Amino acid sequence: MAWSISGDYFENCNCEILCPCITSYMQAPADGERCVVPIICRIDDGQFEGVRLDGLAFAIVADSPAVMAEGNWRVALYIDERADEGQRVALLAILSGDHGGVPGMLAGLIGEHLGVRFVPFTYEAMGHRRHAVIPGIMDVEVETITAPDNGEPVTITGVRHPMGNDLPVARSLKGVFNDPEFGLVFDNTGKNGHVRAFAWAA
């Protein structure tokens, strides 16, 4: 079952800038007892077995031990409610990891699936800023950190990250998440973030 999705992504974890897991390949502990992070994506071009996924957004929200490589992540999925039934089935198939690619690699780290919500989802890309809102649950906005001499994003290279080996660094302007039913309530405002294009396929 061949599939592909590509588009725009950002995240906002609860570590200070720069997150230790990025520079240690997930071997160093996070700054806190747990790592909590929404990974937020907008699909610009995507398909699963002929089902088009263009324009839909989703978030993978993870709550992991301080050393992320140890696994036992608790993960919830939030999917754009505009997806029709076929698109929902397709996105769940991809994000489950059952069909390989990056989600397949991440699946081995997940110890508990908290559930899936189909929600109103706003994703905005504005120059160096990204902003996503799920009303009543999530309000996250980040801005890339730029070099003072040329205004280009500060980027770390040679990392192993699900989105790519070159990772622009950002700081969150807002980082609020509130879903007590799933046990996911945190505020990562002012903490570490990343922004870049992504492309997954299998």
C-alpha atoms as a PDB file:
ATOM      1  CA  MET A   1       0.000   0.000   0.000  1.00  0.00           C
ATOM      2  CA  ALA A   2       2.053   2.933  -1.264  1.00  0.00           C
ATOM      3  CA  TRP A   3       1.409   6.301   0.330  1.00  0.00           C
ATOM      4  CA  SER A   4       3.035   9.716   0.595  1.00  0.00           C
ATOM      5  CA  ILE A   5       2.397  12.938   2.467  1.00  0.00           C
ATOM      6  CA  SER A   6       4.378  16.170   2.342  1.00  0.00           C
ATOM      7  CA  GLY A   7       3.842  19.680   3.602  1.00  0.00           C
ATOM      8  CA  ASP A   8       4.672  21.935   6.529  1.00  0.00           C
ATOM      9  CA  TYR A   9       5.369  21.030  10.168  1.00  0.00           C
ATOM     10  CA  PHE A  10       6.251  22.525  13.519  1.00  0.00           C
ATOM     11  CA  GLU A  11       6.586  21.354  17.097  1.00  0.00           C
ATOM     12  CA  ASN A  12       6.933  22.787  20.593  1.00  0.00           C
ATOM     13  CA  CYS A  13       8.344  20.658  23.420  1.00  0.00           C
ATOM     14  CA  ASN A  14       8.784  21.568  27.072  1.00  0.00           C
ATOM     15  CA  CYS A  15      12.604  21.736  26.985  1.00  0.00           C
ATOM     16  CA  GLU A  16      14.649  24.889  27.016  1.00  0.00           C
ATOM     17  CA  ILE A  17      16.300  25.847  23.729  1.00  0.00           C
ATOM     18  CA  LEU A  18      18.004  23.655  22.504  1.00  0.00           C
ATOM     19  CA  CYS A  19      16.249  20.371  23.359  1.00  0.00           C
ATOM     20  CA  PRO A  20      18.820  17.758  24.550  1.00  0.00           C
ATOM     21  CA  CYS A  21      17.180  14.891  22.655  1.00  0.00           C
ATOM     22  CA  ILE A  22      17.846  16.580  19.309  1.00  0.00           C
ATOM     23  CA  THR A  23      21.604  16.764  19.807  1.00  0.00           C
ATOM     24  CA  SER A  24      21.899  13.319  21.464  1.00  0.00           C
ATOM     25  CA  TYR A  25      19.739  11.228  19.120  1.00  0.00           C
ATOM     26  CA  MET A  26      17.158  10.872  21.919  1.00  0.00           C
ATOM     27  CA  GLN A  27      19.720   9.432  24.364  1.00  0.00           C
ATOM     28  CA  ALA A  28      20.055  12.410  26.749  1.00  0.00           C
ATOM     29  CA  PRO A  29      17.263  13.185  29.234  1.00  0.00           C
ATOM     30  CA  ALA A  30      14.856  16.053  28.633  1.00  0.00           C
ATOM     31  CA  ASP A  31      15.010  19.105  30.862  1.00  0.00           C
ATOM     32  CA  GLY A  32      12.022  17.851  32.871  1.00  0.00           C
ATOM     33  CA  GLU A  33      10.828  14.524  34.248  1.00  0.00           C
ATOM     34  CA  ARG A  34       8.713  14.006  31.115  1.00  0.00           C
ATOM     35  CA  CYS A  35       8.845  15.284  27.572  1.00  0.00           C
ATOM     36  CA  VAL A  36       5.520  16.606  26.263  1.00  0.00           C
ATOM     37  CA  VAL A  37       5.364  17.704  22.656  1.00  0.00           C
ATOM     38  CA  PRO A  38       2.761  18.323  19.948  1.00  0.00           C
ATOM     39  CA  ILE A  39       4.064  17.525  16.453  1.00  0.00           C
ATOM     40  CA  ILE A  40       1.782  19.504  14.146  1.00  0.00           C
ATOM     41  CA  CYS A  41       1.532  18.953  10.396  1.00  0.00           C
ATOM     42  CA  ARG A  42      -0.311  20.351   7.406  1.00  0.00           C
ATOM     43  CA  ILE A  43      -0.427  18.129   4.335  1.00  0.00           C
ATOM     44  CA  ASP A  44       0.017  20.061   1.102  1.00  0.00           C
ATOM     45  CA  ASP A  45       0.342  17.018  -1.139  1.00  0.00           C
ATOM     46  CA  GLY A  46      -0.702  13.574   0.024  1.00  0.00           C
ATOM     47  CA  GLN A  47      -2.366  10.327  -0.973  1.00  0.00           C
ATOM     48  CA  PHE A  48      -3.045   6.843   0.332  1.00  0.00           C
ATOM     49  CA  GLU A  49      -4.088   4.313  -2.288  1.00  0.00           C
ATOM     50  CA  GLY A  50      -5.625   7.004  -4.440  1.00  0.00           C
ATOM     51  CA  VAL A  51      -7.344   8.862  -1.589  1.00  0.00           C
ATOM     52  CA  ARG A  52      -6.198  12.500  -1.712  1.00  0.00           C
ATOM     53  CA  LEU A  53      -5.207  14.112   1.594  1.00  0.00           C
ATOM     54  CA  ASP A  54      -4.218  17.610   0.407  1.00  0.00           C
ATOM     55  CA  GLY A  55      -4.999  20.466   2.791  1.00  0.00           C
ATOM     56  CA  LEU A  56      -5.671  18.377   5.901  1.00  0.00           C
ATOM     57  CA  ALA A  57      -3.887  18.880   9.213  1.00  0.00           C
ATOM     58  CA  PHE A  58      -3.055  16.595  12.098  1.00  0.00           C
ATOM     59  CA  ALA A  59      -1.159  16.597  15.378  1.00  0.00           C
ATOM     60  CA  ILE A  60       0.688  13.775  17.109  1.00  0.00           C
ATOM     61  CA  VAL A  61       0.926  14.654  20.793  1.00  0.00           C
ATOM     62  CA  ALA A  62       3.453  12.662  22.784  1.00  0.00           C
ATOM     63  CA  ASP A  63       4.149  12.362  26.502  1.00  0.00           C
ATOM     64  CA  SER A  64       7.356  10.408  26.946  1.00  0.00           C
ATOM     65  CA  PRO A  65       9.902   9.555  29.637  1.00  0.00           C
ATOM     66  CA  ALA A  66      12.777  12.018  29.922  1.00  0.00           C
ATOM     67  CA  VAL A  67      14.942   9.770  27.725  1.00  0.00           C
ATOM     68  CA  MET A  68      12.766   9.476  24.643  1.00  0.00           C
ATOM     69  CA  ALA A  69      14.733   6.520  23.217  1.00  0.00           C
ATOM     70  CA  GLU A  70      13.508   4.394  26.126  1.00  0.00           C
ATOM     71  CA  GLY A  71      10.065   4.280  24.541  1.00  0.00           C
ATOM     72  CA  ASN A  72       6.834   3.900  26.510  1.00  0.00           C
ATOM     73  CA  TRP A  73       5.448   7.072  24.949  1.00  0.00           C
ATOM     74  CA  ARG A  74       1.832   7.988  25.557  1.00  0.00           C
ATOM     75  CA  VAL A  75       0.425   9.304  22.286  1.00  0.00           C
ATOM     76  CA  ALA A  76      -2.822  10.933  21.147  1.00  0.00           C
ATOM     77  CA  LEU A  77      -3.833  11.830  17.598  1.00  0.00           C
ATOM     78  CA  TYR A  78      -5.822  14.888  16.580  1.00  0.00           C
ATOM     79  CA  ILE A  79      -7.074  14.899  12.989  1.00  0.00           C
ATOM     80  CA  ASP A  80      -8.724  17.661  10.981  1.00  0.00           C
ATOM     81  CA  GLU A  81     -12.483  17.134  11.136  1.00  0.00           C
ATOM     82  CA  ARG A  82     -12.805  18.244   7.498  1.00  0.00           C
ATOM     83  CA  ALA A  83     -11.488  14.815   6.475  1.00  0.00           C
ATOM     84  CA  ASP A  84     -14.275  12.686   5.017  1.00  0.00           C
ATOM     85  CA  GLU A  85     -14.688   9.033   5.965  1.00  0.00           C
ATOM     86  CA  GLY A  86     -12.241   7.767   3.345  1.00  0.00           C
ATOM     87  CA  GLN A  87      -9.640  10.354   4.303  1.00  0.00           C
ATOM     88  CA  ARG A  88     -10.018   9.508   7.989  1.00  0.00           C
ATOM     89  CA  VAL A  89      -9.413   5.843   7.281  1.00  0.00           C
ATOM     90  CA  ALA A  90      -6.390   6.740   5.143  1.00  0.00           C
ATOM     91  CA  LEU A  91      -4.819   9.061   7.724  1.00  0.00           C
ATOM     92  CA  LEU A  92      -5.344   6.587  10.529  1.00  0.00           C
ATOM     93  CA  ALA A  93      -3.745   3.870   8.405  1.00  0.00           C
ATOM     94  CA  ILE A  94      -0.688   6.033   7.780  1.00  0.00           C
ATOM     95  CA  LEU A  95      -0.319   7.366  11.331  1.00  0.00           C
ATOM     96  CA  SER A  96      -0.804   3.952  12.929  1.00  0.00           C
ATOM     97  CA  GLY A  97       2.587   2.931  11.576  1.00  0.00           C
ATOM     98  CA  ASP A  98       1.146  -0.241  10.094  1.00  0.00           C
ATOM     99  CA  HIS A  99       2.189   0.851   6.604  1.00  0.00           C
ATOM    100  CA  GLY A 100       5.800   1.765   7.352  1.00  0.00           C
ATOM    101  CA  GLY A 101       7.651   4.991   6.800  1.00  0.00           C
ATOM    102  CA  VAL A 102       8.369   7.406   9.649  1.00  0.00           C
ATOM    103  CA  PRO A 103       5.170   6.461  11.550  1.00  0.00           C
ATOM    104  CA  GLY A 104       6.296   2.833  11.391  1.00  0.00           C
ATOM    105  CA  MET A 105       9.621   3.747  13.003  1.00  0.00           C
ATOM    106  CA  LEU A 106       7.905   5.805  15.709  1.00  0.00           C
ATOM    107  CA  ALA A 107       5.410   3.031  16.459  1.00  0.00           C
ATOM    108  CA  GLY A 108       8.069   1.033  18.275  1.00  0.00           C
ATOM    109  CA  LEU A 109       8.450   3.830  20.827  1.00  0.00           C
ATOM    110  CA  ILE A 110       4.759   4.035  21.710  1.00  0.00           C
ATOM    111  CA  GLY A 111       3.591   2.228  24.825  1.00  0.00           C
ATOM    112  CA  GLU A 112       0.070   3.614  25.100  1.00  0.00           C
ATOM    113  CA  HIS A 113      -2.340   4.917  22.488  1.00  0.00           C
ATOM    114  CA  LEU A 114      -4.545   7.440  24.265  1.00  0.00           C
ATOM    115  CA  GLY A 115      -7.049   7.815  21.435  1.00  0.00           C
ATOM    116  CA  VAL A 116      -8.006   9.809  18.370  1.00  0.00           C
ATOM    117  CA  ARG A 117     -10.056  12.980  18.107  1.00  0.00           C
ATOM    118  CA  PHE A 118     -11.457  14.518  14.918  1.00  0.00           C
ATOM    119  CA  VAL A 119     -11.410  18.228  15.625  1.00  0.00           C
ATOM    120  CA  PRO A 120     -11.685  21.689  14.052  1.00  0.00           C
ATOM    121  CA  PHE A 121      -8.116  22.495  13.059  1.00  0.00           C
ATOM    122  CA  THR A 122      -6.514  25.788  11.974  1.00  0.00           C
ATOM    123  CA  TYR A 123      -2.933  25.808  10.695  1.00  0.00           C
ATOM    124  CA  GLU A 124      -1.277  29.059   9.617  1.00  0.00           C
ATOM    125  CA  ALA A 125       2.179  29.584   8.109  1.00  0.00           C
ATOM    126  CA  MET A 126       3.324  33.215   8.128  1.00  0.00           C
ATOM    127  CA  GLY A 127       6.973  33.717   7.204  1.00  0.00           C
ATOM    128  CA  HIS A 128       9.020  32.623  10.214  1.00  0.00           C
ATOM    129  CA  ARG A 129       5.916  31.910  12.311  1.00  0.00           C
ATOM    130  CA  ARG A 130       3.604  28.913  12.574  1.00  0.00           C
ATOM    131  CA  HIS A 131       0.321  28.909  14.487  1.00  0.00           C
ATOM    132  CA  ALA A 132      -2.133  26.061  15.033  1.00  0.00           C
ATOM    133  CA  VAL A 133      -5.375  26.025  16.981  1.00  0.00           C
ATOM    134  CA  ILE A 134      -7.760  23.278  18.041  1.00  0.00           C
ATOM    135  CA  PRO A 135     -10.485  25.241  19.844  1.00  0.00           C
ATOM    136  CA  GLY A 136     -10.606  24.475  23.553  1.00  0.00           C
ATOM    137  CA  ILE A 137      -7.623  22.109  23.342  1.00  0.00           C
ATOM    138  CA  MET A 138      -4.549  23.557  21.630  1.00  0.00           C
ATOM    139  CA  ASP A 139      -3.128  26.985  20.885  1.00  0.00           C
ATOM    140  CA  VAL A 140       0.508  26.774  19.785  1.00  0.00           C
ATOM    141  CA  GLU A 141       2.518  29.418  17.968  1.00  0.00           C
ATOM    142  CA  VAL A 142       6.252  29.335  17.309  1.00  0.00           C
ATOM    143  CA  GLU A 143       8.742  31.630  15.593  1.00  0.00           C
ATOM    144  CA  THR A 144      12.064  30.548  14.141  1.00  0.00           C
ATOM    145  CA  ILE A 145      15.181  32.009  15.716  1.00  0.00           C
ATOM    146  CA  THR A 146      17.008  33.986  13.051  1.00  0.00           C
ATOM    147  CA  ALA A 147      20.614  35.062  12.591  1.00  0.00           C
ATOM    148  CA  PRO A 148      21.054  38.800  13.243  1.00  0.00           C
ATOM    149  CA  ASP A 149      23.258  39.344  10.189  1.00  0.00           C
ATOM    150  CA  ASN A 150      21.043  37.841   7.464  1.00  0.00           C
ATOM    151  CA  GLY A 151      17.685  37.040   9.051  1.00  0.00           C
ATOM    152  CA  GLU A 152      17.943  33.372   8.093  1.00  0.00           C
ATOM    153  CA  PRO A 153      16.715  30.686  10.526  1.00  0.00           C
ATOM    154  CA  VAL A 154      19.318  29.221  12.859  1.00  0.00           C
ATOM    155  CA  THR A 155      19.508  25.578  11.773  1.00  0.00           C
ATOM    156  CA  ILE A 156      21.178  22.509  13.231  1.00  0.00           C
ATOM    157  CA  THR A 157      22.366  19.876  10.780  1.00  0.00           C
ATOM    158  CA  GLY A 158      23.238  16.201  10.888  1.00  0.00           C
ATOM    159  CA  VAL A 159      20.466  15.307  13.325  1.00  0.00           C
ATOM    160  CA  ARG A 160      18.226  12.246  13.239  1.00  0.00           C
ATOM    161  CA  HIS A 161      14.726  13.584  13.383  1.00  0.00           C
ATOM    162  CA  PRO A 162      11.477  12.281  11.870  1.00  0.00           C
ATOM    163  CA  MET A 163      11.189  15.440   9.767  1.00  0.00           C
ATOM    164  CA  GLY A 164      14.715  15.581   8.371  1.00  0.00           C
ATOM    165  CA  ASN A 165      18.424  15.992   9.052  1.00  0.00           C
ATOM    166  CA  ASP A 166      18.416  19.801   8.936  1.00  0.00           C
ATOM    167  CA  LEU A 167      16.269  21.343  11.638  1.00  0.00           C
ATOM    168  CA  PRO A 168      15.569  25.073  12.024  1.00  0.00           C
ATOM    169  CA  VAL A 169      15.268  26.116  15.680  1.00  0.00           C
ATOM    170  CA  ALA A 170      12.270  28.040  17.009  1.00  0.00           C
ATOM    171  CA  ARG A 171      10.868  29.461  20.230  1.00  0.00           C
ATOM    172  CA  SER A 172       7.216  29.206  21.146  1.00  0.00           C
ATOM    173  CA  LEU A 173       5.225  32.392  21.565  1.00  0.00           C
ATOM    174  CA  LYS A 174       2.299  30.307  22.840  1.00  0.00           C
ATOM    175  CA  GLY A 175       2.340  26.652  23.820  1.00  0.00           C
ATOM    176  CA  VAL A 176      -0.929  25.780  25.535  1.00  0.00           C
ATOM    177  CA  PHE A 177      -2.441  22.295  25.420  1.00  0.00           C
ATOM    178  CA  ASN A 178      -5.427  21.189  27.491  1.00  0.00           C
ATOM    179  CA  ASP A 179      -7.009  17.752  27.112  1.00  0.00           C
ATOM    180  CA  PRO A 180      -7.525  16.390  30.643  1.00  0.00           C
ATOM    181  CA  GLU A 181      -9.442  13.347  29.400  1.00  0.00           C
ATOM    182  CA  PHE A 182      -6.221  12.110  27.798  1.00  0.00           C
ATOM    183  CA  GLY A 183      -4.092  13.424  30.674  1.00  0.00           C
ATOM    184  CA  LEU A 184      -2.409  15.966  28.398  1.00  0.00           C
ATOM    185  CA  VAL A 185      -2.351  19.375  30.078  1.00  0.00           C
ATOM    186  CA  PHE A 186       0.736  21.554  29.679  1.00  0.00           C
ATOM    187  CA  ASP A 187       2.037  24.998  28.792  1.00  0.00           C
ATOM    188  CA  ASN A 188       5.237  25.066  26.729  1.00  0.00           C
ATOM    189  CA  THR A 189       5.207  28.813  26.097  1.00  0.00           C
ATOM    190  CA  GLY A 190       8.732  30.155  25.627  1.00  0.00           C
ATOM    191  CA  LYS A 191      10.214  26.706  25.141  1.00  0.00           C
ATOM    192  CA  ASN A 192      11.967  24.858  22.327  1.00  0.00           C
ATOM    193  CA  GLY A 193      10.444  24.472  18.881  1.00  0.00           C
ATOM    194  CA  HIS A 194      11.260  23.514  15.308  1.00  0.00           C
ATOM    195  CA  VAL A 195       9.813  24.388  11.891  1.00  0.00           C
ATOM    196  CA  ARG A 196      10.413  22.895   8.444  1.00  0.00           C
ATOM    197  CA  ALA A 197       8.950  21.211   5.408  1.00  0.00           C
ATOM    198  CA  PHE A 198       8.442  17.467   5.689  1.00  0.00           C
ATOM    199  CA  ALA A 199       7.948  14.530   3.327  1.00  0.00           C
ATOM    200  CA  TRP A 200       7.044  10.999   4.405  1.00  0.00           C
ATOM    201  CA  ALA A 201       6.430   8.032   2.151  1.00  0.00           C
ATOM    202  CA  ALA A 202       6.445   4.260   2.105  1.00  0.00           C
END
